[in-house]
């Protein structure tokens, strides 16, 4: 197997394991919106936002530092044991302090007190599995990595379906049975987090073998180097996570308490419809990154990078328009409670924001292949500042629309900054006329379909057909060349 084939195979498997949890969050939206009002779903999504931020903090870049020193240090067991001891100690310390001050923590995070214990358990269990998962990746065991991730997703999904959909009926049919004793009305949020605790606990149990080392050695000098290496990664990770989830937290803080979580629930449910673009962008990025690095030393790799970005923009433009055109049909499938539909006008904004983020990831090849990754951190920090600023100043006036516009503004500016600095440090001959044309037409058609013609399916479908014909006409020669090559 060639190096490229091996990289592609491993990236596909890791990509599957990465995309599946995102798919789970999408698949569960119909279930959650069916059994919970917007306020309850808002509570859940607010807690998930804090999960994302605390996961980055509790890892403090140690996963990335592990990869860096596991590949360079001759004594690999020392790297494993040092990082395991470090993360285990900090996780136990976090759990101890969090349980000790759980009431204050719940108040600080704007989370109902009855859920804070679940939050602490889940964060601790996930933190303890970081290095075992990193070890699998470092030792090129993508199949085992993916299997355990898939088990986690399957268990979580199965328990959610059981607790939220099946248990109420089973308990009602057999009031004297054992199932009726574990069923509690209006306990949906707790059931969601109990499912997560069980899934995370099982995952750690399956990975527990990585904790069985011949001996444990804590190398202070190595640990200091790993922390110094990891902390900038943590800062960049926090900045990027702020761009993804901090709008929910700011909505909870800046909207009136009596409506805040209901508004978060509506916004988050409709936000999920952008996941089609997010999944496409994630899968594309995971599949193409090995190509970026494997071709960085070839003659004129910039031409190939430019062509790949063109492909992404063409496909992304089609997905943008398709999601917007069929948004009203998608909401019937995935957002089952009409109480949530009030936030549907944010969908085109969020889909376009996800498109800009996908383009940013494609443009970011320049700082990855030139080892200027600090620019990635700087750009993410700029995006975080924009996210916080727009949300802070405009949420009190326009609510979750401010969050949608903040997300679009942050990702669009990150995209332009990456292009600007890339042009300076590693020029790539992007076809700006074609990129601008596809993006511009898809944005105009999306706006016409959704906002002007109010989601009329016939008109939207016509606009989508016209756009597809434009793509076919402009890319016919390329498509013919690709399929002709595949025939030989």
Protein backbone atom coordinates (compact mmCIF):
# COMPACT_ATOMS: atom_id res chain seq x y z
CA UNK A 1 0.00 0.00 0.00
CA UNK A 2 1.42 3.38 -1.01
CA UNK A 3 1.89 6.16 1.50
CA UNK A 4 -0.92 8.15 -0.10
CA UNK A 5 -3.32 5.18 0.00
CA UNK A 6 -2.42 4.52 3.62
CA UNK A 7 -2.97 8.16 4.55
CA UNK A 8 -6.27 8.24 2.70
CA UNK A 9 -7.50 5.03 4.33
CA UNK A 10 -6.60 6.20 7.84
CA UNK A 11 -8.05 9.64 7.21
CA UNK A 12 -11.28 8.10 5.97
CA UNK A 13 -11.59 5.96 9.10
CA UNK A 14 -10.74 8.81 11.46
CA UNK A 15 -13.08 11.03 9.45
CA UNK A 16 -15.89 8.52 9.90
CA UNK A 17 -15.25 8.46 13.65
CA UNK A 18 -15.21 12.27 13.71
CA UNK A 19 -18.31 12.79 11.58
CA UNK A 20 -20.45 10.20 13.38
CA UNK A 21 -20.75 12.12 16.67
CA UNK A 22 -21.79 15.19 14.67
CA UNK A 23 -24.33 13.05 12.84
CA UNK A 24 -25.62 11.82 16.21
CA UNK A 25 -26.31 15.37 17.35
CA UNK A 26 -28.27 15.89 14.13
CA UNK A 27 -30.18 12.60 14.33
CA UNK A 28 -31.25 13.37 17.89
CA UNK A 29 -32.74 16.76 16.98
CA UNK A 30 -36.11 15.28 15.87
CA UNK A 31 -36.29 13.26 19.08
CA UNK A 32 -35.40 16.17 21.35
CA UNK A 33 -37.71 18.65 19.61
CA UNK A 34 -40.54 16.10 19.75
CA UNK A 35 -40.36 15.37 23.48
CA UNK A 36 -39.12 18.72 24.84
CA UNK A 37 -40.30 22.33 24.58
CA UNK A 38 -37.78 24.94 23.35
CA UNK A 39 -36.82 25.95 26.91
CA UNK A 40 -35.74 22.42 27.85
CA UNK A 41 -33.84 21.95 24.60
CA UNK A 42 -32.21 25.33 25.22
CA UNK A 43 -30.97 24.05 28.59
CA UNK A 44 -29.45 21.01 26.87
CA UNK A 45 -27.71 23.02 24.15
CA UNK A 46 -26.38 25.51 26.70
CA UNK A 47 -24.79 22.65 28.64
CA UNK A 48 -23.33 21.21 25.44
CA UNK A 49 -21.78 24.60 24.72
CA UNK A 50 -20.03 24.49 28.09
CA UNK A 51 -18.95 20.90 27.34
CA UNK A 52 -17.14 22.10 24.22
CA UNK A 53 -15.26 24.83 26.09
CA UNK A 54 -14.36 22.74 29.14
CA UNK A 55 -13.18 19.84 26.96
CA UNK A 56 -10.54 22.14 25.48
CA UNK A 57 -9.53 23.49 28.89
CA UNK A 58 -9.29 20.07 30.55
CA UNK A 59 -7.14 18.75 27.69
CA UNK A 60 -4.90 21.90 27.83
CA UNK A 61 -3.23 20.92 24.55
CA UNK A 62 -1.85 17.69 26.02
CA UNK A 63 -3.21 15.56 23.17
CA UNK A 64 -1.29 17.57 20.56
CA UNK A 65 1.80 17.63 22.81
CA UNK A 66 1.52 13.85 23.15
CA UNK A 67 1.73 13.42 19.35
CA UNK A 68 4.66 15.82 19.17
CA UNK A 69 6.81 14.08 21.79
CA UNK A 70 5.64 10.51 21.26
CA UNK A 71 7.11 10.68 17.75
CA UNK A 72 10.39 12.32 18.83
CA UNK A 73 11.22 10.86 22.26
CA UNK A 74 13.10 7.53 22.30
CA UNK A 75 11.37 6.40 25.52
CA UNK A 76 7.75 6.34 24.41
CA UNK A 77 6.46 4.73 27.63
CA UNK A 78 7.75 7.76 29.51
CA UNK A 79 5.73 10.06 27.26
CA UNK A 80 2.62 7.93 27.78
CA UNK A 81 2.99 7.71 31.56
CA UNK A 82 3.86 11.40 31.99
CA UNK A 83 0.86 12.55 29.98
CA UNK A 84 -1.47 10.02 31.66
CA UNK A 85 -0.36 11.11 35.15
CA UNK A 86 -0.72 14.77 34.19
CA UNK A 87 -4.23 14.49 32.76
CA UNK A 88 -5.41 12.11 35.49
CA UNK A 89 -4.18 14.46 38.23
CA UNK A 90 -5.71 17.58 36.70
CA UNK A 91 -8.99 15.75 36.00
CA UNK A 92 -9.27 14.51 39.57
CA UNK A 93 -8.43 17.99 40.86
CA UNK A 94 -11.08 19.52 38.59
CA UNK A 95 -13.72 16.97 39.68
CA UNK A 96 -12.92 17.50 43.37
CA UNK A 97 -13.15 21.30 43.14
CA UNK A 98 -16.24 21.16 40.89
CA UNK A 99 -18.12 18.85 43.26
CA UNK A 100 -17.03 20.91 46.26
CA UNK A 101 -18.39 24.12 44.72
CA UNK A 102 -21.09 22.62 42.48
CA UNK A 103 -23.78 25.11 43.57
CA UNK A 104 -21.58 28.07 42.71
CA UNK A 105 -20.46 26.41 39.48
CA UNK A 106 -24.07 25.86 38.40
CA UNK A 107 -24.85 29.51 39.14
CA UNK A 108 -21.74 30.70 37.29
CA UNK A 109 -22.54 28.61 34.20
CA UNK A 110 -26.27 29.42 34.29
CA UNK A 111 -27.09 25.69 34.52
CA UNK A 112 -29.85 24.19 36.65
CA UNK A 113 -28.31 22.69 39.79
CA UNK A 114 -29.83 19.22 39.27
CA UNK A 115 -27.74 18.74 36.09
CA UNK A 116 -24.34 19.88 37.32
CA UNK A 117 -23.31 16.46 38.68
CA UNK A 118 -23.86 14.88 35.27
CA UNK A 119 -21.79 17.63 33.65
CA UNK A 120 -18.85 16.99 35.98
CA UNK A 121 -18.98 13.20 35.48
CA UNK A 122 -19.08 13.50 31.68
CA UNK A 123 -16.25 16.03 31.50
CA UNK A 124 -14.05 13.93 33.78
CA UNK A 125 -14.71 10.65 31.93
CA UNK A 126 -14.01 12.24 28.54
CA UNK A 127 -10.80 13.88 29.79
CA UNK A 128 -9.48 10.55 31.09
CA UNK A 129 -9.94 8.99 27.62
CA UNK A 130 -7.92 11.65 25.76
CA UNK A 131 -4.49 10.02 25.95
CA UNK A 132 -5.73 6.44 25.33
CA UNK A 133 -7.38 7.65 22.12
CA UNK A 134 -4.25 9.62 21.19
CA UNK A 135 -2.17 6.46 21.75
CA UNK A 136 -4.34 4.56 19.25
CA UNK A 137 -3.82 7.26 16.64
CA UNK A 138 -0.09 7.50 17.31
CA UNK A 139 0.25 3.74 16.91
CA UNK A 140 -1.80 3.70 13.70
CA UNK A 141 -4.79 1.73 14.98
CA UNK A 142 -7.58 3.60 13.18
CA UNK A 143 -9.94 0.60 13.11
CA UNK A 144 -9.95 0.18 16.89
CA UNK A 145 -10.25 3.95 17.31
CA UNK A 146 -13.27 4.07 15.01
CA UNK A 147 -14.94 1.00 16.53
CA UNK A 148 -14.82 2.46 20.04
CA UNK A 149 -16.10 5.82 18.80
CA UNK A 150 -18.94 4.08 16.97
CA UNK A 151 -19.81 2.07 20.10
CA UNK A 152 -19.98 5.33 22.05
CA UNK A 153 -22.35 6.83 19.47
CA UNK A 154 -24.50 3.69 19.28
CA UNK A 155 -24.85 3.38 23.06
CA UNK A 156 -25.69 7.06 23.45
CA UNK A 157 -28.24 6.95 20.63
CA UNK A 158 -29.79 3.71 21.88
CA UNK A 159 -30.17 4.99 25.44
CA UNK A 160 -31.68 8.27 24.25
CA UNK A 161 -34.27 6.42 22.19
CA UNK A 162 -35.02 4.07 25.10
CA UNK A 163 -35.32 6.73 27.81
CA UNK A 164 -37.13 9.39 25.80
CA UNK A 165 -39.25 7.39 23.36
CA UNK A 166 -39.80 3.85 24.64
CA UNK A 167 -39.66 4.06 28.43
CA UNK A 168 -42.73 6.30 28.94
CA UNK A 169 -44.96 3.87 27.01
CA UNK A 170 -43.45 0.76 28.61
CA UNK A 171 -43.89 2.20 32.09
CA UNK A 172 -47.50 3.13 31.36
CA UNK A 173 -48.31 -0.33 29.97
CA UNK A 174 -46.81 -2.09 33.00
CA UNK A 175 -47.19 0.23 36.03
CA UNK A 176 -46.07 -2.46 38.50
CA UNK A 177 -42.98 -3.50 36.50
CA UNK A 178 -39.34 -2.61 37.00
CA UNK A 179 -39.40 -0.10 34.14
CA UNK A 180 -42.05 2.01 35.83
CA UNK A 181 -39.75 2.32 38.84
CA UNK A 182 -37.00 3.99 36.76
CA UNK A 183 -39.36 6.21 34.79
CA UNK A 184 -39.85 9.77 35.96
CA UNK A 185 -42.11 12.27 34.18
CA UNK A 186 -40.47 15.52 33.02
CA UNK A 187 -37.05 13.93 33.47
CA UNK A 188 -35.97 14.18 29.81
CA UNK A 189 -32.92 16.39 30.33
CA UNK A 190 -31.56 14.13 33.07
CA UNK A 191 -32.12 11.07 30.85
CA UNK A 192 -30.07 12.72 28.09
CA UNK A 193 -27.11 13.26 30.41
CA UNK A 194 -27.46 9.84 32.07
CA UNK A 195 -27.12 8.38 28.56
CA UNK A 196 -23.95 10.40 28.06
CA UNK A 197 -22.50 9.33 31.41
CA UNK A 198 -23.07 5.65 30.57
CA UNK A 199 -21.64 6.01 27.04
CA UNK A 200 -18.57 7.91 28.27
CA UNK A 201 -18.04 5.45 31.13
CA UNK A 202 -18.22 2.48 28.75
CA UNK A 203 -15.78 4.19 26.39
CA UNK A 204 -13.26 4.73 29.18
CA UNK A 205 -13.71 1.11 30.27
CA UNK A 206 -12.93 -0.08 26.74
CA UNK A 207 -9.85 2.17 26.66
CA UNK A 208 -8.76 1.29 30.19
CA UNK A 209 -6.08 -1.11 28.94
CA UNK A 210 -3.95 1.89 27.96
CA UNK A 211 -3.56 2.66 31.66
CA UNK A 212 -1.79 -0.67 32.21
CA UNK A 213 1.85 0.26 31.76
CA UNK A 214 4.91 -1.76 32.86
CA UNK A 215 5.84 1.16 35.11
CA UNK A 216 4.79 4.75 35.64
CA UNK A 217 7.38 7.49 35.33
CA UNK A 218 6.65 11.18 35.67
CA UNK A 219 9.37 13.16 33.92
CA UNK A 220 9.12 16.76 35.16
CA UNK A 221 11.32 18.16 32.41
CA UNK A 222 9.32 16.39 29.70
CA UNK A 223 6.06 17.47 31.33
CA UNK A 224 7.18 21.11 31.35
CA UNK A 225 8.02 20.90 27.64
CA UNK A 226 4.66 19.28 26.87
CA UNK A 227 2.76 21.96 28.78
CA UNK A 228 4.66 24.77 27.07
CA UNK A 229 3.91 23.16 23.72
CA UNK A 230 0.26 22.48 24.56
CA UNK A 231 -0.86 25.78 26.12
CA UNK A 232 -0.81 27.78 22.84
CA UNK A 233 -2.82 24.93 21.30
CA UNK A 234 -5.34 25.27 24.14
CA UNK A 235 -5.63 29.03 23.59
CA UNK A 236 -6.24 28.53 19.87
CA UNK A 237 -8.74 25.76 20.69
CA UNK A 238 -10.66 27.98 23.09
CA UNK A 239 -10.78 30.76 20.48
CA UNK A 240 -12.10 28.37 17.83
CA UNK A 241 -14.64 26.89 20.25
CA UNK A 242 -15.88 30.38 21.13
CA UNK A 243 -16.65 30.86 17.44
CA UNK A 244 -18.65 27.63 17.42
CA UNK A 245 -20.67 27.69 20.65
CA UNK A 246 -20.23 30.85 22.70
CA UNK A 247 -23.27 32.50 21.16
CA UNK A 248 -25.54 30.15 23.19
CA UNK A 249 -23.79 31.17 26.40
CA UNK A 250 -24.12 34.86 25.58
CA UNK A 251 -27.79 34.44 24.68
CA UNK A 252 -28.33 32.92 28.14
CA UNK A 253 -26.58 35.86 29.78
CA UNK A 254 -27.94 38.77 27.73
CA UNK A 255 -31.57 37.85 27.08
CA UNK A 256 -34.27 38.18 29.78
CA UNK A 257 -34.15 35.06 32.02
CA UNK A 258 -37.78 34.14 31.37
CA UNK A 259 -37.22 33.67 27.61
CA UNK A 260 -33.46 33.05 27.29
CA UNK A 261 -33.40 29.26 27.23
CA UNK A 262 -36.49 29.04 25.04
CA UNK A 263 -34.81 31.33 22.50
CA UNK A 264 -31.60 29.27 22.70
CA UNK A 265 -33.65 26.12 22.03
CA UNK A 266 -35.30 27.58 18.92
CA UNK A 267 -32.03 28.97 17.59
CA UNK A 268 -30.07 25.77 18.23
CA UNK A 269 -32.66 23.48 16.64
CA UNK A 270 -32.81 25.52 13.43
CA UNK A 271 -29.02 25.98 13.52
CA UNK A 272 -28.71 22.19 13.19
CA UNK A 273 -30.08 22.33 9.64
CA UNK A 274 -26.71 23.82 8.64
CA UNK A 275 -25.10 20.51 9.59
CA UNK A 276 -25.37 19.32 5.98
CA UNK A 277 -22.80 21.95 5.04
CA UNK A 278 -20.73 21.29 8.18
CA UNK A 279 -20.54 17.55 7.47
CA UNK A 280 -19.58 18.16 3.85
CA UNK A 281 -16.85 20.62 4.87
CA UNK A 282 -15.54 18.31 7.62
CA UNK A 283 -15.45 15.22 5.40
CA UNK A 284 -13.77 17.20 2.60
CA UNK A 285 -11.15 18.61 4.98
CA UNK A 286 -10.34 15.26 6.57
CA UNK A 287 -10.11 13.60 3.19
CA UNK A 288 -7.92 16.23 1.56
CA UNK A 289 -5.47 17.22 4.32
CA UNK A 290 -3.17 14.21 3.67
CA UNK A 291 -3.02 15.31 0.03
CA UNK A 292 -1.99 18.81 1.06
CA UNK A 293 0.99 17.52 3.03
CA UNK A 294 1.98 14.70 0.69
CA UNK A 295 2.09 17.11 -2.28
CA UNK A 296 3.74 20.03 -0.51
CA UNK A 297 7.22 19.09 -1.83
CA UNK A 298 6.14 18.32 -5.39
CA UNK A 299 6.65 20.69 -8.29
CA UNK A 300 4.09 23.52 -8.28
CA UNK A 301 1.72 22.12 -5.62
CA UNK A 302 -0.06 25.49 -5.50
CA UNK A 303 -1.85 24.71 -8.76
CA UNK A 304 -3.32 21.53 -7.26
CA UNK A 305 -4.32 23.36 -4.07
CA UNK A 306 -6.13 26.01 -6.11
CA UNK A 307 -8.03 23.36 -8.09
CA UNK A 308 -9.10 21.57 -4.89
CA UNK A 309 -10.50 24.82 -3.49
CA UNK A 310 -12.41 25.32 -6.75
CA UNK A 311 -13.97 21.87 -6.34
CA UNK A 312 -14.96 22.71 -2.78
CA UNK A 313 -16.58 26.00 -3.74
CA UNK A 314 -18.55 24.39 -6.59
CA UNK A 315 -19.89 21.59 -4.38
CA UNK A 316 -20.40 23.90 -1.40
CA UNK A 317 -22.38 26.37 -3.51
CA UNK A 318 -24.71 23.58 -4.63
CA UNK A 319 -25.18 22.40 -1.04
CA UNK A 320 -25.80 25.96 0.18
CA UNK A 321 -28.56 26.51 -2.36
CA UNK A 322 -30.05 23.02 -1.93
CA UNK A 323 -30.31 23.31 1.87
CA UNK A 324 -31.91 26.76 1.64
CA UNK A 325 -34.35 25.70 -1.09
CA UNK A 326 -35.48 22.64 0.85
CA UNK A 327 -35.24 24.21 4.32
CA UNK A 328 -39.01 24.14 4.89
CA UNK A 329 -39.11 20.46 3.98
CA UNK A 330 -36.10 19.68 6.17
CA UNK A 331 -37.71 21.33 9.18
CA UNK A 332 -40.68 18.95 8.85
CA UNK A 333 -38.26 16.02 9.05
CA UNK A 334 -35.83 17.21 11.71
CA UNK A 335 -37.53 19.92 13.81
CA UNK A 336 -40.80 18.22 14.68
CA UNK A 337 -42.28 20.86 16.97
CA UNK A 338 -43.59 24.01 15.26
CA UNK A 339 -42.74 26.02 18.39
CA UNK A 340 -39.12 25.97 17.17
CA UNK A 341 -39.81 27.23 13.63
CA UNK A 342 -39.78 30.87 14.62
CA UNK A 343 -35.96 30.79 14.23
CA UNK A 344 -35.98 29.40 10.66
CA UNK A 345 -34.88 32.76 9.12
CA UNK A 346 -31.39 32.19 10.58
CA UNK A 347 -30.88 29.01 8.54
CA UNK A 348 -29.51 30.62 5.32
CA UNK A 349 -27.19 32.82 7.41
CA UNK A 350 -25.77 29.84 9.34
CA UNK A 351 -25.41 27.66 6.23
CA UNK A 352 -23.47 30.47 4.52
CA UNK A 353 -21.35 30.88 7.67
CA UNK A 354 -20.50 27.14 7.60
CA UNK A 355 -19.62 27.49 3.92
CA UNK A 356 -17.20 30.34 4.73
CA UNK A 357 -15.64 28.21 7.47
CA UNK A 358 -15.14 25.35 5.01
CA UNK A 359 -13.42 27.71 2.55
CA UNK A 360 -11.26 29.02 5.40
CA UNK A 361 -10.08 25.47 6.16
CA UNK A 362 -9.18 24.99 2.49
CA UNK A 363 -7.32 28.31 2.37
CA UNK A 364 -5.46 27.44 5.58
CA UNK A 365 -3.22 25.02 3.66
CA UNK A 366 -0.64 27.82 3.33
CA UNK A 367 0.17 28.09 7.04
CA UNK A 368 0.08 24.32 7.54
CA UNK A 369 2.59 23.44 4.83
CA UNK A 370 4.87 26.37 5.73
CA UNK A 371 4.84 25.64 9.50
CA UNK A 372 3.28 29.02 10.29
CA UNK A 373 0.49 27.51 12.37
CA UNK A 374 0.58 30.45 14.77
CA UNK A 375 -1.38 32.34 12.11
CA UNK A 376 -4.20 29.83 12.58
CA UNK A 377 -4.31 30.76 16.27
CA UNK A 378 -4.20 34.50 15.51
CA UNK A 379 -7.02 34.25 12.97
CA UNK A 380 -9.16 32.16 15.34
CA UNK A 381 -8.63 34.74 18.09
CA UNK A 382 -9.77 37.53 15.74
CA UNK A 383 -12.86 35.45 14.96
CA UNK A 384 -13.53 34.95 18.67
CA UNK A 385 -13.29 38.70 19.33
CA UNK A 386 -15.76 39.38 16.52
CA UNK A 387 -18.13 36.69 17.83
CA UNK A 388 -18.09 38.08 21.37
CA UNK A 389 -18.32 41.71 20.25
CA UNK A 390 -21.30 41.36 17.91
CA UNK A 391 -23.18 39.12 20.33
CA UNK A 392 -22.54 41.44 23.27
CA UNK A 393 -23.70 44.61 21.54
CA UNK A 394 -26.62 43.28 19.49
CA UNK A 395 -28.23 40.35 21.36
CA UNK A 396 -30.20 42.72 23.64
CA UNK A 397 -31.77 44.28 20.50
CA UNK A 398 -32.21 41.48 17.94
CA UNK A 399 -31.73 38.29 19.98
CA UNK A 400 -30.46 35.20 18.20
CA UNK A 401 -30.26 37.05 14.86
CA UNK A 402 -27.20 38.75 16.37
CA UNK A 403 -25.70 35.32 17.03
CA UNK A 404 -26.32 34.23 13.44
CA UNK A 405 -24.78 37.41 11.98
CA UNK A 406 -21.86 37.14 14.43
CA UNK A 407 -21.14 33.59 13.24
CA UNK A 408 -21.24 34.65 9.59
CA UNK A 409 -19.09 37.74 10.24
CA UNK A 410 -16.47 35.80 12.21
CA UNK A 411 -16.07 33.00 9.64
CA UNK A 412 -16.16 35.36 6.65
CA UNK A 413 -13.45 37.58 8.13
CA UNK A 414 -11.38 34.51 9.06
CA UNK A 415 -11.71 33.38 5.44
CA UNK A 416 -10.56 36.76 4.08
CA UNK A 417 -7.67 37.00 6.56
CA UNK A 418 -6.42 33.54 5.61
CA UNK A 419 -6.54 34.49 1.93
CA UNK A 420 -4.77 37.81 2.58
CA UNK A 421 -1.87 36.34 4.57
CA UNK A 422 -1.65 33.29 2.32
CA UNK A 423 -1.22 35.56 -0.70
CA UNK A 424 1.68 37.22 1.13
CA UNK A 425 3.52 34.14 2.46
CA UNK A 426 2.53 31.30 0.09
CA UNK A 427 0.78 32.55 -3.08
CA UNK A 428 -1.73 30.12 -4.57
CA UNK A 429 -3.34 30.91 -7.95
CA UNK A 430 -6.98 30.68 -6.91
CA UNK A 431 -9.51 31.32 -9.66
CA UNK A 432 -11.17 34.21 -7.86
CA UNK A 433 -13.51 35.00 -10.73
CA UNK A 434 -14.94 31.49 -10.71
CA UNK A 435 -15.08 31.28 -6.90
CA UNK A 436 -16.81 34.67 -6.68
CA UNK A 437 -19.24 33.73 -9.44
CA UNK A 438 -20.34 30.44 -7.85
CA UNK A 439 -20.62 31.90 -4.36
CA UNK A 440 -22.35 35.04 -5.58
CA UNK A 441 -24.95 33.25 -7.69
CA UNK A 442 -25.72 30.66 -4.99
CA UNK A 443 -26.09 33.40 -2.35
CA UNK A 444 -28.38 35.51 -4.56
CA UNK A 445 -30.50 32.47 -5.55
CA UNK A 446 -30.69 31.40 -1.87
CA UNK A 447 -31.84 34.86 -0.79
CA UNK A 448 -34.45 34.97 -3.57
CA UNK A 449 -35.77 31.52 -2.72
CA UNK A 450 -35.94 31.95 1.05
CA UNK A 451 -36.58 35.62 1.71
CA UNK A 452 -38.24 36.95 -1.47
CA UNK A 453 -40.33 33.98 -2.58
CA UNK A 454 -40.83 32.74 1.01
CA UNK A 455 -39.59 29.22 0.41
CA UNK A 456 -41.93 28.41 -2.49
CA UNK A 457 -40.67 24.97 -3.52
CA UNK A 458 -41.40 25.26 -7.25
CA UNK A 459 -39.49 28.53 -7.62
CA UNK A 460 -36.65 27.34 -5.38
CA UNK A 461 -36.33 24.09 -7.32
CA UNK A 462 -36.23 26.05 -10.58
CA UNK A 463 -33.43 28.25 -9.23
CA UNK A 464 -31.52 25.16 -8.09
CA UNK A 465 -31.96 23.55 -11.52
CA UNK A 466 -30.70 26.71 -13.23
CA UNK A 467 -27.65 26.74 -10.97
CA UNK A 468 -26.91 23.07 -11.64
CA UNK A 469 -27.12 23.72 -15.38
CA UNK A 470 -24.67 26.61 -14.98
CA UNK A 471 -22.27 24.34 -13.10
CA UNK A 472 -22.63 21.64 -15.75
CA UNK A 473 -21.98 24.08 -18.56
CA UNK A 474 -18.95 25.69 -16.90
CA UNK A 475 -17.42 22.45 -15.60
CA UNK A 476 -18.35 20.14 -18.49
CA UNK A 477 -14.80 19.84 -19.81
CA UNK A 478 -13.45 19.05 -16.36
CA UNK A 479 -16.19 16.51 -15.60
CA UNK A 480 -15.61 14.81 -18.94
CA UNK A 481 -11.86 14.64 -18.28
CA UNK A 482 -12.41 13.11 -14.80
CA UNK A 483 -14.86 10.46 -16.02
CA UNK A 484 -12.76 9.69 -19.10
CA UNK A 485 -9.77 9.08 -16.82
CA UNK A 486 -11.85 6.81 -14.61
CA UNK A 487 -12.80 4.70 -17.60
CA UNK A 488 -9.18 3.70 -18.28
